[in-house]
Amino acid sequence: MSRRIAVIPGDGVGKEVVPEGIKVIRRTGADLEFEELPWGCDFYAKTGRMMPEDALRTLAGYDAIYLGAIGWPTVPDHVSLWECLLPIRKTFEQYINLRPVRLPPGISSPLSGRGPDDIDMLFVRENTEGEYSGTGGFVHVGTAAELAVEVPVFTKRAVERCARYAFERARERSRRLVSVSKSNASRYSYVLWDRVVAGVAAEFPDVQVERVLVDAMAARMVSRPDSIDVVVASNLFADILTDLGAAIQGSMGLAASANLAFDGTGPSMFEPVHGSAPDIAGQGRANPIGTVWAGALMLRHLGYEQEAARVERAIDSVCEDGRVLTGDLGGTASTSEVGDALARALG
C-alpha cells in the first residue's frame, strides 16, 4: 500500500536539499507518494501565517512529514518556530526526537585521531515539553521593569515514555545508556527526571545506565566519544548536545533527525538539523546528506528496513569514496551532484 508523504521544503537550503532526498528515496523503490506543501517564511510573507489555518488537519491525513528547513531572517525565530515546527511536534505527540551522531567512513572529525569506530551515538531527546514547553510570559512590557518568565515543565508521563524508548534502543545496541541531567542545580525538574529514569531502569536490568551532568557530558563528548552509545536527555539539553554531536561527526550538513509519533497520534516528521542556512541558500552548495539520512530514518519508521539500510550504506559509500562531496566536507561538488552520487550508489 502506498504511503503518502507531506513534503515541506520550507526555507533557504531546504528547497535545495529536499529534492535530492526525494530523488534518493525514490531510487530505493519504496512505495511512497510525495505531495509538496509550500509553507514557511515565504508563505508568511504572503499571508501573515507560517501555515494555513487548517494545516494541522491537513497533515493529519499523511503517513509522514518530510521537512527541509524552517526560518529566514525576515521572520523572527520565535515566530517561525512556534507557528510551524512546535505546533506540529506537540499536536501529533511527536514525543521522541531521534538523532544519530555517527562519523561516516572517509570523513574527518575535528577530534584529532578519532574515526568511525569512536563516534557512533544515538540521542533520544524528549520532544514535547521541558524547557520548550512555552509556559511563561511578559510583565511590565515597555518599561524599565520589564520581566520575562520562562517555566520549564516536566511531567512523569513524558519523561517516562522517553526514557523507556531510550532503554529499548540501548537494549538493541550495546546495552549502555547515559541519562543527561542537571539535578545538582535544578532542584525540582531534574530531580524528577532522575527519579523517573531510575524507575524505568528497574525494568531493564540488562542495561547499564549512567547519570551524567550536562556540562560534564559536553566535555565527555569531546574527550571520550567512544565511551558514549545511547543518550537520553531533555528537550533543551539534547538540542544543544546534538549540535555538538553534528560538529564532531564532521559537519552540520550530515546531521539528521526524526520526530516520532506513536499509537496513531499522527504522522512523524523527518528533517535535517542544519536549518535554512541563509548565507549559502540559492547557491547549490548545501550538503544534502543530512536530508537523505533523515529520509532513511523515515523509511525505517514506515517499515522499509532494507531500503533504509541501503540508503545508509550509500551515504557511507559516497563519503568513503570522497570524490563527490560538498564544500563543508572538503569537496567541490554541488548539492545536486551529491544527490546524484547517492542515487548511483544505491545501484
C-alpha atoms as a PDB file:
ATOM      1  CA  MET A   1       0.000   0.000   0.000  1.00  0.00           C
ATOM      2  CA  SER A   2       1.372   3.395  -0.988  1.00  0.00           C
ATOM      3  CA  ARG A   3       2.276   5.760   1.847  1.00  0.00           C
ATOM      4  CA  ARG A   4       1.514   9.486   1.493  1.00  0.00           C
ATOM      5  CA  ILE A   5       4.320  11.839   2.493  1.00  0.00           C
ATOM      6  CA  ALA A   6       3.715  15.546   3.118  1.00  0.00           C
ATOM      7  CA  VAL A   7       6.758  17.427   1.841  1.00  0.00           C
ATOM      8  CA  ILE A   8       7.522  20.834   3.368  1.00  0.00           C
ATOM      9  CA  PRO A   9      10.752  22.106   1.757  1.00  0.00           C
ATOM     10  CA  GLY A  10      10.341  25.285   3.792  1.00  0.00           C
ATOM     11  CA  ASP A  11      13.004  27.944   3.584  1.00  0.00           C
ATOM     12  CA  GLY A  12      16.518  28.587   2.312  1.00  0.00           C
ATOM     13  CA  VAL A  13      18.530  25.494   1.546  1.00  0.00           C
ATOM     14  CA  GLY A  14      15.560  23.332   2.497  1.00  0.00           C
ATOM     15  CA  LYS A  15      14.257  23.921  -1.022  1.00  0.00           C
ATOM     16  CA  GLU A  16      17.540  22.616  -2.434  1.00  0.00           C
ATOM     17  CA  VAL A  17      18.176  19.550  -0.281  1.00  0.00           C
ATOM     18  CA  VAL A  18      14.657  18.099  -0.131  1.00  0.00           C
ATOM     19  CA  PRO A  19      14.508  17.335  -3.893  1.00  0.00           C
ATOM     20  CA  GLU A  20      17.763  15.406  -3.511  1.00  0.00           C
ATOM     21  CA  GLY A  21      16.336  13.441  -0.612  1.00  0.00           C
ATOM     22  CA  ILE A  22      13.253  12.549  -2.636  1.00  0.00           C
ATOM     23  CA  LYS A  23      15.454  11.574  -5.592  1.00  0.00           C
ATOM     24  CA  VAL A  24      17.386   9.083  -3.451  1.00  0.00           C
ATOM     25  CA  ILE A  25      14.329   7.708  -1.643  1.00  0.00           C
ATOM     26  CA  ARG A  26      12.535   7.100  -4.935  1.00  0.00           C
ATOM     27  CA  ARG A  27      15.580   5.193  -6.176  1.00  0.00           C
ATOM     28  CA  THR A  28      15.027   2.613  -3.417  1.00  0.00           C
ATOM     29  CA  GLY A  29      11.706   1.582  -4.945  1.00  0.00           C
ATOM     30  CA  ALA A  30       9.750   2.202  -1.739  1.00  0.00           C
ATOM     31  CA  ASP A  31       6.071   2.813  -2.489  1.00  0.00           C
ATOM     32  CA  LEU A  32       5.803   6.422  -1.329  1.00  0.00           C
ATOM     33  CA  GLU A  33       3.743   9.266  -2.759  1.00  0.00           C
ATOM     34  CA  PHE A  34       5.204  12.742  -2.159  1.00  0.00           C
ATOM     35  CA  GLU A  35       2.971  15.820  -2.041  1.00  0.00           C
ATOM     36  CA  GLU A  36       4.573  19.252  -1.607  1.00  0.00           C
ATOM     37  CA  LEU A  37       3.111  21.885   0.727  1.00  0.00           C
ATOM     38  CA  PRO A  38       4.544  25.402   0.169  1.00  0.00           C
ATOM     39  CA  TRP A  39       4.607  26.524   3.794  1.00  0.00           C
ATOM     40  CA  GLY A  40       7.258  28.507   5.645  1.00  0.00           C
ATOM     41  CA  CYS A  41       8.582  32.048   5.659  1.00  0.00           C
ATOM     42  CA  ASP A  42       7.662  32.790   2.040  1.00  0.00           C
ATOM     43  CA  PHE A  43       4.109  31.749   2.898  1.00  0.00           C
ATOM     44  CA  TYR A  44       4.293  34.037   5.942  1.00  0.00           C
ATOM     45  CA  ALA A  45       5.345  36.992   3.759  1.00  0.00           C
ATOM     46  CA  LYS A  46       2.247  36.479   1.621  1.00  0.00           C
ATOM     47  CA  THR A  47      -0.325  35.577   4.263  1.00  0.00           C
ATOM     48  CA  GLY A  48       0.986  36.584   7.696  1.00  0.00           C
ATOM     49  CA  ARG A  49       0.966  32.898   8.727  1.00  0.00           C
ATOM     50  CA  MET A  50       3.639  30.196   8.600  1.00  0.00           C
ATOM     51  CA  MET A  51       0.999  27.610   7.655  1.00  0.00           C
ATOM     52  CA  PRO A  52      -2.688  27.760   6.668  1.00  0.00           C
ATOM     53  CA  GLU A  53      -5.247  27.763   9.447  1.00  0.00           C
ATOM     54  CA  ASP A  54      -6.206  24.159   8.669  1.00  0.00           C
ATOM     55  CA  ALA A  55      -2.595  22.966   8.294  1.00  0.00           C
ATOM     56  CA  LEU A  56      -2.628  20.515  11.182  1.00  0.00           C
ATOM     57  CA  ARG A  57      -5.845  18.909   9.957  1.00  0.00           C
ATOM     58  CA  THR A  58      -4.253  18.599   6.524  1.00  0.00           C
ATOM     59  CA  LEU A  59      -1.085  16.995   7.894  1.00  0.00           C
ATOM     60  CA  ALA A  60      -3.109  14.508   9.932  1.00  0.00           C
ATOM     61  CA  GLY A  61      -4.061  12.781   6.677  1.00  0.00           C
ATOM     62  CA  TYR A  62      -0.485  11.867   5.781  1.00  0.00           C
ATOM     63  CA  ASP A  63       1.671   8.927   6.865  1.00  0.00           C
ATOM     64  CA  ALA A  64       4.789  11.062   7.438  1.00  0.00           C
ATOM     65  CA  ILE A  65       6.167  14.571   7.002  1.00  0.00           C
ATOM     66  CA  TYR A  66       9.466  15.278   5.196  1.00  0.00           C
ATOM     67  CA  LEU A  67      10.775  18.698   6.157  1.00  0.00           C
ATOM     68  CA  GLY A  68      13.675  20.715   4.726  1.00  0.00           C
ATOM     69  CA  ALA A  69      14.190  23.734   6.968  1.00  0.00           C
ATOM     70  CA  ILE A  70      12.161  26.486   8.608  1.00  0.00           C
ATOM     71  CA  GLY A  71      13.395  30.000   9.301  1.00  0.00           C
ATOM     72  CA  TRP A  72      14.514  33.126   7.475  1.00  0.00           C
ATOM     73  CA  PRO A  73      15.981  36.474   8.612  1.00  0.00           C
ATOM     74  CA  THR A  74      12.790  38.369   7.684  1.00  0.00           C
ATOM     75  CA  VAL A  75      10.738  36.404  10.239  1.00  0.00           C
ATOM     76  CA  PRO A  76      11.616  36.387  13.956  1.00  0.00           C
ATOM     77  CA  ASP A  77      12.861  32.958  15.013  1.00  0.00           C
ATOM     78  CA  HIS A  78      10.287  32.590  17.775  1.00  0.00           C
ATOM     79  CA  VAL A  79       7.532  33.194  15.212  1.00  0.00           C
ATOM     80  CA  SER A  80       8.792  30.649  12.667  1.00  0.00           C
ATOM     81  CA  LEU A  81       9.379  28.047  15.380  1.00  0.00           C
ATOM     82  CA  TRP A  82       6.170  28.483  17.390  1.00  0.00           C
ATOM     83  CA  GLU A  83       3.912  28.841  14.365  1.00  0.00           C
ATOM     84  CA  CYS A  84       5.212  25.852  12.433  1.00  0.00           C
ATOM     85  CA  LEU A  85       7.583  23.262  13.909  1.00  0.00           C
ATOM     86  CA  LEU A  86       6.457  23.207  17.525  1.00  0.00           C
ATOM     87  CA  PRO A  87       2.713  23.016  16.794  1.00  0.00           C
ATOM     88  CA  ILE A  88       3.404  20.004  14.565  1.00  0.00           C
ATOM     89  CA  ARG A  89       5.520  18.276  17.199  1.00  0.00           C
ATOM     90  CA  LYS A  90       3.070  18.942  20.006  1.00  0.00           C
ATOM     91  CA  THR A  91      -0.210  18.316  18.162  1.00  0.00           C
ATOM     92  CA  PHE A  92       0.876  14.923  16.860  1.00  0.00           C
ATOM     93  CA  GLU A  93       2.616  13.905  20.100  1.00  0.00           C
ATOM     94  CA  GLN A  94       5.991  13.531  18.392  1.00  0.00           C
ATOM     95  CA  TYR A  95       7.497  12.934  21.786  1.00  0.00           C
ATOM     96  CA  ILE A  96      10.756  11.335  20.625  1.00  0.00           C
ATOM     97  CA  ASN A  97      13.370  13.284  18.705  1.00  0.00           C
ATOM     98  CA  LEU A  98      15.882  10.733  17.450  1.00  0.00           C
ATOM     99  CA  ARG A  99      19.283  11.970  16.318  1.00  0.00           C
ATOM    100  CA  PRO A 100      22.078   9.629  15.215  1.00  0.00           C
ATOM    101  CA  VAL A 101      25.573  11.032  15.716  1.00  0.00           C
ATOM    102  CA  ARG A 102      27.829   8.824  13.624  1.00  0.00           C
ATOM    103  CA  LEU A 103      31.067   9.597  11.777  1.00  0.00           C
ATOM    104  CA  PRO A 104      30.855   8.115   8.269  1.00  0.00           C
ATOM    105  CA  PRO A 105      33.949   6.424   6.839  1.00  0.00           C
ATOM    106  CA  GLY A 106      36.194   8.791   4.933  1.00  0.00           C
ATOM    107  CA  ILE A 107      35.015  11.898   6.813  1.00  0.00           C
ATOM    108  CA  SER A 108      37.434  13.686   9.131  1.00  0.00           C
ATOM    109  CA  SER A 109      36.204  14.670  12.571  1.00  0.00           C
ATOM    110  CA  PRO A 110      37.615  17.812  14.192  1.00  0.00           C
ATOM    111  CA  LEU A 111      38.538  15.499  17.069  1.00  0.00           C
ATOM    112  CA  SER A 112      42.103  14.512  16.338  1.00  0.00           C
ATOM    113  CA  GLY A 113      42.736  10.808  15.911  1.00  0.00           C
ATOM    114  CA  ARG A 114      39.068   9.815  16.109  1.00  0.00           C
ATOM    115  CA  GLY A 115      37.465   7.612  13.466  1.00  0.00           C
ATOM    116  CA  PRO A 116      34.117   5.936  12.747  1.00  0.00           C
ATOM    117  CA  ASP A 117      34.634   3.351  15.496  1.00  0.00           C
ATOM    118  CA  ASP A 118      34.921   6.148  18.069  1.00  0.00           C
ATOM    119  CA  ILE A 119      31.901   8.261  17.120  1.00  0.00           C
ATOM    120  CA  ASP A 120      28.658   6.304  16.936  1.00  0.00           C
ATOM    121  CA  MET A 121      25.996   7.647  19.304  1.00  0.00           C
ATOM    122  CA  LEU A 122      22.216   7.723  19.319  1.00  0.00           C
ATOM    123  CA  PHE A 123      20.499  10.627  21.090  1.00  0.00           C
ATOM    124  CA  VAL A 124      16.928  10.286  22.341  1.00  0.00           C
ATOM    125  CA  ARG A 125      15.506  13.734  23.066  1.00  0.00           C
ATOM    126  CA  GLU A 126      12.263  14.435  24.903  1.00  0.00           C
ATOM    127  CA  ASN A 127      10.460  16.491  22.289  1.00  0.00           C
ATOM    128  CA  THR A 128       7.251  17.958  23.698  1.00  0.00           C
ATOM    129  CA  GLU A 129       7.893  19.757  26.981  1.00  0.00           C
ATOM    130  CA  GLY A 130      10.797  20.648  29.287  1.00  0.00           C
ATOM    131  CA  GLU A 131      12.393  23.997  28.595  1.00  0.00           C
ATOM    132  CA  TYR A 132      10.425  24.351  25.357  1.00  0.00           C
ATOM    133  CA  SER A 133       7.009  23.991  26.959  1.00  0.00           C
ATOM    134  CA  GLY A 134       6.086  27.594  26.138  1.00  0.00           C
ATOM    135  CA  THR A 135       4.909  28.263  29.667  1.00  0.00           C
ATOM    136  CA  GLY A 136       5.554  31.849  30.762  1.00  0.00           C
ATOM    137  CA  GLY A 137       5.017  35.412  29.683  1.00  0.00           C
ATOM    138  CA  PHE A 138       5.987  39.080  29.880  1.00  0.00           C
ATOM    139  CA  VAL A 139       5.156  41.590  32.605  1.00  0.00           C
ATOM    140  CA  HIS A 140       5.555  45.397  32.523  1.00  0.00           C
ATOM    141  CA  VAL A 141       6.305  45.349  28.810  1.00  0.00           C
ATOM    142  CA  GLY A 142       7.986  48.502  27.523  1.00  0.00           C
ATOM    143  CA  THR A 143       9.068  49.771  30.928  1.00  0.00           C
ATOM    144  CA  ALA A 144      12.367  49.661  32.781  1.00  0.00           C
ATOM    145  CA  ALA A 145      10.884  46.927  34.971  1.00  0.00           C
ATOM    146  CA  GLU A 146      10.058  44.607  32.064  1.00  0.00           C
ATOM    147  CA  LEU A 147      10.176  40.984  33.143  1.00  0.00           C
ATOM    148  CA  ALA A 148      10.217  37.720  31.208  1.00  0.00           C
ATOM    149  CA  VAL A 149       9.340  34.409  32.851  1.00  0.00           C
ATOM    150  CA  GLU A 150      10.026  31.068  31.130  1.00  0.00           C
ATOM    151  CA  VAL A 151       8.970  27.991  33.074  1.00  0.00           C
ATOM    152  CA  PRO A 152      10.260  24.504  32.215  1.00  0.00           C
ATOM    153  CA  VAL A 153       7.561  21.870  32.547  1.00  0.00           C
ATOM    154  CA  PHE A 154       8.478  18.256  33.310  1.00  0.00           C
ATOM    155  CA  THR A 155       5.882  15.540  33.786  1.00  0.00           C
ATOM    156  CA  LYS A 156       6.384  11.983  34.890  1.00  0.00           C
ATOM    157  CA  ARG A 157       4.438  10.733  31.864  1.00  0.00           C
ATOM    158  CA  ALA A 158       6.647  12.490  29.319  1.00  0.00           C
ATOM    159  CA  VAL A 159       9.957  11.612  30.969  1.00  0.00           C
ATOM    160  CA  GLU A 160       8.887   8.007  31.472  1.00  0.00           C
ATOM    161  CA  ARG A 161       7.852   7.339  27.883  1.00  0.00           C
ATOM    162  CA  CYS A 162      11.016   9.000  26.563  1.00  0.00           C
ATOM    163  CA  ALA A 163      13.247   7.041  28.954  1.00  0.00           C
ATOM    164  CA  ARG A 164      11.549   3.752  28.096  1.00  0.00           C
ATOM    165  CA  TYR A 165      12.117   4.322  24.388  1.00  0.00           C
ATOM    166  CA  ALA A 166      15.790   5.086  25.096  1.00  0.00           C
ATOM    167  CA  PHE A 167      16.237   1.936  27.181  1.00  0.00           C
ATOM    168  CA  GLU A 168      14.697  -0.120  24.377  1.00  0.00           C
ATOM    169  CA  ARG A 169      17.172   1.331  21.865  1.00  0.00           C
ATOM    170  CA  ALA A 170      20.057   0.719  24.270  1.00  0.00           C
ATOM    171  CA  ARG A 171      18.972  -2.904  24.631  1.00  0.00           C
ATOM    172  CA  GLU A 172      19.184  -3.256  20.831  1.00  0.00           C
ATOM    173  CA  ARG A 173      22.683  -1.769  20.698  1.00  0.00           C
ATOM    174  CA  SER A 174      25.400  -2.063  23.379  1.00  0.00           C
ATOM    175  CA  ARG A 175      23.120  -2.138  26.453  1.00  0.00           C
ATOM    176  CA  ARG A 176      24.671   1.124  27.675  1.00  0.00           C
ATOM    177  CA  LEU A 177      22.674   4.298  28.325  1.00  0.00           C
ATOM    178  CA  VAL A 178      23.638   7.759  29.555  1.00  0.00           C
ATOM    179  CA  SER A 179      20.930   9.931  31.114  1.00  0.00           C
ATOM    180  CA  VAL A 180      21.824  13.631  30.976  1.00  0.00           C
ATOM    181  CA  SER A 181      20.681  15.730  33.912  1.00  0.00           C
ATOM    182  CA  LYS A 182      21.401  18.842  35.982  1.00  0.00           C
ATOM    183  CA  SER A 183      19.830  17.849  39.269  1.00  0.00           C
ATOM    184  CA  ASN A 184      22.623  19.404  41.318  1.00  0.00           C
ATOM    185  CA  ALA A 185      21.381  22.876  40.338  1.00  0.00           C
ATOM    186  CA  SER A 186      17.778  22.271  39.237  1.00  0.00           C
ATOM    187  CA  ARG A 187      16.164  21.110  42.454  1.00  0.00           C
ATOM    188  CA  TYR A 188      12.816  20.040  41.040  1.00  0.00           C
ATOM    189  CA  SER A 189      12.666  19.379  37.290  1.00  0.00           C
ATOM    190  CA  TYR A 190      15.836  17.317  37.016  1.00  0.00           C
ATOM    191  CA  VAL A 191      15.336  15.639  40.356  1.00  0.00           C
ATOM    192  CA  LEU A 192      12.071  14.362  38.866  1.00  0.00           C
ATOM    193  CA  TRP A 193      13.911  13.423  35.668  1.00  0.00           C
ATOM    194  CA  ASP A 194      16.491  11.376  37.615  1.00  0.00           C
ATOM    195  CA  ARG A 195      13.837   9.691  39.732  1.00  0.00           C
ATOM    196  CA  VAL A 196      11.714   8.671  36.745  1.00  0.00           C
ATOM    197  CA  VAL A 197      14.696   7.398  34.732  1.00  0.00           C
ATOM    198  CA  ALA A 198      15.800   5.330  37.737  1.00  0.00           C
ATOM    199  CA  GLY A 199      12.319   3.850  37.950  1.00  0.00           C
ATOM    200  CA  VAL A 200      12.341   2.828  34.291  1.00  0.00           C
ATOM    201  CA  ALA A 201      15.864   1.431  34.695  1.00  0.00           C
ATOM    202  CA  ALA A 202      14.479  -1.154  37.103  1.00  0.00           C
ATOM    203  CA  GLU A 203      12.571  -2.647  34.147  1.00  0.00           C
ATOM    204  CA  PHE A 204      15.817  -3.027  32.162  1.00  0.00           C
ATOM    205  CA  PRO A 205      18.314  -4.746  34.488  1.00  0.00           C
ATOM    206  CA  ASP A 206      20.377  -5.798  31.460  1.00  0.00           C
ATOM    207  CA  VAL A 207      21.088  -2.151  30.506  1.00  0.00           C
ATOM    208  CA  GLN A 208      23.869  -0.249  32.246  1.00  0.00           C
ATOM    209  CA  VAL A 209      22.733   3.327  32.957  1.00  0.00           C
ATOM    210  CA  GLU A 210      24.821   6.330  33.977  1.00  0.00           C
ATOM    211  CA  ARG A 211      23.611   9.725  35.165  1.00  0.00           C
ATOM    212  CA  VAL A 212      25.869  12.475  33.809  1.00  0.00           C
ATOM    213  CA  LEU A 213      25.505  16.226  34.350  1.00  0.00           C
ATOM    214  CA  VAL A 214      25.064  18.142  31.119  1.00  0.00           C
ATOM    215  CA  ASP A 215      28.273  20.170  31.426  1.00  0.00           C
ATOM    216  CA  ALA A 216      30.295  17.021  32.068  1.00  0.00           C
ATOM    217  CA  MET A 217      28.530  15.379  29.124  1.00  0.00           C
ATOM    218  CA  ALA A 218      29.624  18.137  26.743  1.00  0.00           C
ATOM    219  CA  ALA A 219      33.221  17.635  27.832  1.00  0.00           C
ATOM    220  CA  ARG A 220      32.945  13.848  27.571  1.00  0.00           C
ATOM    221  CA  MET A 221      31.614  14.010  24.002  1.00  0.00           C
ATOM    222  CA  VAL A 222      34.834  15.762  23.021  1.00  0.00           C
ATOM    223  CA  SER A 223      37.335  13.892  25.189  1.00  0.00           C
ATOM    224  CA  ARG A 224      35.826  10.369  25.230  1.00  0.00           C
ATOM    225  CA  PRO A 225      33.221  10.000  22.473  1.00  0.00           C
ATOM    226  CA  ASP A 226      33.943   6.272  22.254  1.00  0.00           C
ATOM    227  CA  SER A 227      32.511   5.845  25.776  1.00  0.00           C
ATOM    228  CA  ILE A 228      29.041   7.013  24.670  1.00  0.00           C
ATOM    229  CA  ASP A 229      26.401   4.947  22.884  1.00  0.00           C
ATOM    230  CA  VAL A 230      22.736   5.786  23.613  1.00  0.00           C
ATOM    231  CA  VAL A 231      21.876   9.058  25.345  1.00  0.00           C
ATOM    232  CA  VAL A 232      18.550  10.248  26.753  1.00  0.00           C
ATOM    233  CA  ALA A 233      18.129  13.921  27.577  1.00  0.00           C
ATOM    234  CA  SER A 234      15.633  16.744  27.923  1.00  0.00           C
ATOM    235  CA  ASN A 235      14.415  18.961  25.119  1.00  0.00           C
ATOM    236  CA  LEU A 236      16.996  21.715  25.690  1.00  0.00           C
ATOM    237  CA  PHE A 237      19.983  19.616  26.709  1.00  0.00           C
ATOM    238  CA  ALA A 238      19.670  17.190  23.804  1.00  0.00           C
ATOM    239  CA  ASP A 239      19.098  20.067  21.380  1.00  0.00           C
ATOM    240  CA  ILE A 240      22.426  21.618  22.359  1.00  0.00           C
ATOM    241  CA  LEU A 241      24.402  18.401  22.713  1.00  0.00           C
ATOM    242  CA  THR A 242      23.326  17.067  19.329  1.00  0.00           C
ATOM    243  CA  ASP A 243      24.604  20.208  17.600  1.00  0.00           C
ATOM    244  CA  LEU A 244      27.924  19.484  19.274  1.00  0.00           C
ATOM    245  CA  GLY A 245      27.476  15.938  18.013  1.00  0.00           C
ATOM    246  CA  ALA A 246      26.918  17.174  14.463  1.00  0.00           C
ATOM    247  CA  ALA A 247      30.194  19.080  14.664  1.00  0.00           C
ATOM    248  CA  ILE A 248      32.195  16.072  15.840  1.00  0.00           C
ATOM    249  CA  GLN A 249      30.608  13.815  13.203  1.00  0.00           C
ATOM    250  CA  GLY A 250      32.096  16.072  10.563  1.00  0.00           C
ATOM    251  CA  SER A 251      29.512  18.686   9.604  1.00  0.00           C
ATOM    252  CA  MET A 252      26.074  20.056  10.420  1.00  0.00           C
ATOM    253  CA  GLY A 253      25.251  19.038   6.862  1.00  0.00           C
ATOM    254  CA  LEU A 254      25.446  15.365   7.873  1.00  0.00           C
ATOM    255  CA  ALA A 255      23.052  15.595  10.811  1.00  0.00           C
ATOM    256  CA  ALA A 256      19.609  14.003  10.539  1.00  0.00           C
ATOM    257  CA  SER A 257      16.684  13.774  12.923  1.00  0.00           C
ATOM    258  CA  ALA A 258      13.320  12.094  13.351  1.00  0.00           C
ATOM    259  CA  ASN A 259      10.360  13.448  15.334  1.00  0.00           C
ATOM    260  CA  LEU A 260       8.490  10.280  16.165  1.00  0.00           C
ATOM    261  CA  ALA A 261       4.812   9.827  16.976  1.00  0.00           C
ATOM    262  CA  PHE A 262       3.348   6.543  18.146  1.00  0.00           C
ATOM    263  CA  ASP A 263      -0.007   4.886  18.850  1.00  0.00           C
ATOM    264  CA  GLY A 264      -1.833   6.596  15.998  1.00  0.00           C
ATOM    265  CA  THR A 265      -1.444  10.133  17.363  1.00  0.00           C
ATOM    266  CA  GLY A 266      -0.444  11.437  13.930  1.00  0.00           C
ATOM    267  CA  PRO A 267       2.358  11.406  11.378  1.00  0.00           C
ATOM    268  CA  SER A 268       6.026  11.502  12.345  1.00  0.00           C
ATOM    269  CA  MET A 269       8.296  14.178  10.871  1.00  0.00           C
ATOM    270  CA  PHE A 270      11.807  13.779   9.451  1.00  0.00           C
ATOM    271  CA  GLU A 271      14.284  16.593   8.862  1.00  0.00           C
ATOM    272  CA  PRO A 272      17.956  17.550   8.665  1.00  0.00           C
ATOM    273  CA  VAL A 273      19.371  19.533  11.570  1.00  0.00           C
ATOM    274  CA  HIS A 274      21.249  22.248   9.684  1.00  0.00           C
ATOM    275  CA  GLY A 275      18.479  24.839   9.340  1.00  0.00           C
ATOM    276  CA  SER A 276      17.831  27.124   6.396  1.00  0.00           C
ATOM    277  CA  ALA A 277      21.432  28.458   6.111  1.00  0.00           C
ATOM    278  CA  PRO A 278      20.658  31.868   4.566  1.00  0.00           C
ATOM    279  CA  ASP A 279      24.361  32.513   3.937  1.00  0.00           C
ATOM    280  CA  ILE A 280      24.563  29.808   1.253  1.00  0.00           C
ATOM    281  CA  ALA A 281      20.927  29.497   0.161  1.00  0.00           C
ATOM    282  CA  GLY A 282      20.361  29.502  -3.583  1.00  0.00           C
ATOM    283  CA  GLN A 283      23.989  28.722  -4.392  1.00  0.00           C
ATOM    284  CA  GLY A 284      23.786  24.954  -4.788  1.00  0.00           C
ATOM    285  CA  ARG A 285      26.352  24.481  -2.025  1.00  0.00           C
ATOM    286  CA  ALA A 286      24.213  22.870   0.684  1.00  0.00           C
ATOM    287  CA  ASN A 287      25.061  19.349   1.780  1.00  0.00           C
ATOM    288  CA  PRO A 288      22.041  17.071   1.124  1.00  0.00           C
ATOM    289  CA  ILE A 289      23.369  14.083   3.095  1.00  0.00           C
ATOM    290  CA  GLY A 290      21.598  15.043   6.335  1.00  0.00           C
ATOM    291  CA  THR A 291      18.311  15.247   4.442  1.00  0.00           C
ATOM    292  CA  VAL A 292      18.942  11.919   2.737  1.00  0.00           C
ATOM    293  CA  TRP A 293      19.846  10.390   6.106  1.00  0.00           C
ATOM    294  CA  ALA A 294      16.581  11.744   7.537  1.00  0.00           C
ATOM    295  CA  GLY A 295      14.889  10.023   4.622  1.00  0.00           C
ATOM    296  CA  ALA A 296      16.473   6.746   5.744  1.00  0.00           C
ATOM    297  CA  LEU A 297      15.042   7.299   9.225  1.00  0.00           C
ATOM    298  CA  MET A 298      11.642   7.876   7.610  1.00  0.00           C
ATOM    299  CA  LEU A 299      11.890   4.691   5.565  1.00  0.00           C
ATOM    300  CA  ARG A 300      12.757   2.671   8.657  1.00  0.00           C
ATOM    301  CA  HIS A 301       9.893   4.164  10.661  1.00  0.00           C
ATOM    302  CA  LEU A 302       7.446   3.297   7.872  1.00  0.00           C
ATOM    303  CA  GLY A 303       8.629  -0.308   7.822  1.00  0.00           C
ATOM    304  CA  TYR A 304      11.070  -0.154   4.897  1.00  0.00           C
ATOM    305  CA  GLU A 305      14.036  -1.520   6.844  1.00  0.00           C
ATOM    306  CA  GLN A 306      16.004  -2.891   3.889  1.00  0.00           C
ATOM    307  CA  GLU A 307      15.532   0.310   1.882  1.00  0.00           C
ATOM    308  CA  ALA A 308      16.684   2.393   4.867  1.00  0.00           C
ATOM    309  CA  ALA A 309      19.805   0.268   5.264  1.00  0.00           C
ATOM    310  CA  ARG A 310      20.573   0.653   1.550  1.00  0.00           C
ATOM    311  CA  VAL A 311      20.384   4.449   1.834  1.00  0.00           C
ATOM    312  CA  GLU A 312      22.697   4.430   4.855  1.00  0.00           C
ATOM    313  CA  ARG A 313      25.180   2.217   3.011  1.00  0.00           C
ATOM    314  CA  ALA A 314      25.028   4.598   0.048  1.00  0.00           C
ATOM    315  CA  ILE A 315      25.872   7.513   2.353  1.00  0.00           C
ATOM    316  CA  ASP A 316      28.870   5.618   3.729  1.00  0.00           C
ATOM    317  CA  SER A 317      29.987   4.651   0.224  1.00  0.00           C
ATOM    318  CA  VAL A 318      29.897   8.209  -1.130  1.00  0.00           C
ATOM    319  CA  CYS A 319      31.619   9.602   1.969  1.00  0.00           C
ATOM    320  CA  GLU A 320      34.343   6.940   1.923  1.00  0.00           C
ATOM    321  CA  ASP A 321      34.945   7.427  -1.802  1.00  0.00           C
ATOM    322  CA  GLY A 322      35.367  11.161  -1.177  1.00  0.00           C
ATOM    323  CA  ARG A 323      35.233  12.325  -4.782  1.00  0.00           C
ATOM    324  CA  VAL A 324      31.725  13.842  -4.701  1.00  0.00           C
ATOM    325  CA  LEU A 325      31.293  15.893  -1.536  1.00  0.00           C
ATOM    326  CA  THR A 326      30.171  19.454  -0.808  1.00  0.00           C
ATOM    327  CA  GLY A 327      32.449  22.178   0.500  1.00  0.00           C
ATOM    328  CA  ASP A 328      31.654  21.622   4.175  1.00  0.00           C
ATOM    329  CA  LEU A 329      33.306  18.199   3.819  1.00  0.00           C
ATOM    330  CA  GLY A 330      36.277  19.487   1.817  1.00  0.00           C
ATOM    331  CA  GLY A 331      34.854  18.790  -1.635  1.00  0.00           C
ATOM    332  CA  THR A 332      33.754  20.910  -4.572  1.00  0.00           C
ATOM    333  CA  ALA A 333      30.538  19.167  -5.632  1.00  0.00           C
ATOM    334  CA  SER A 334      27.145  20.833  -5.818  1.00  0.00           C
ATOM    335  CA  THR A 335      24.042  19.820  -3.896  1.00  0.00           C
ATOM    336  CA  SER A 336      22.566  18.033  -6.909  1.00  0.00           C
ATOM    337  CA  GLU A 337      25.855  16.310  -7.771  1.00  0.00           C
ATOM    338  CA  VAL A 338      25.979  14.758  -4.309  1.00  0.00           C
ATOM    339  CA  GLY A 339      22.346  13.703  -4.661  1.00  0.00           C
ATOM    340  CA  ASP A 340      23.157  12.059  -7.994  1.00  0.00           C
ATOM    341  CA  ALA A 341      26.139  10.242  -6.452  1.00  0.00           C
ATOM    342  CA  LEU A 342      23.989   8.918  -3.615  1.00  0.00           C
ATOM    343  CA  ALA A 343      21.343   7.718  -6.070  1.00  0.00           C
ATOM    344  CA  ARG A 344      24.024   5.956  -8.165  1.00  0.00           C
ATOM    345  CA  ALA A 345      25.460   4.319  -5.048  1.00  0.00           C
ATOM    346  CA  LEU A 346      22.111   2.624  -4.453  1.00  0.00           C
ATOM    347  CA  GLY A 347      22.688   0.640  -7.646  1.00  0.00           C
END
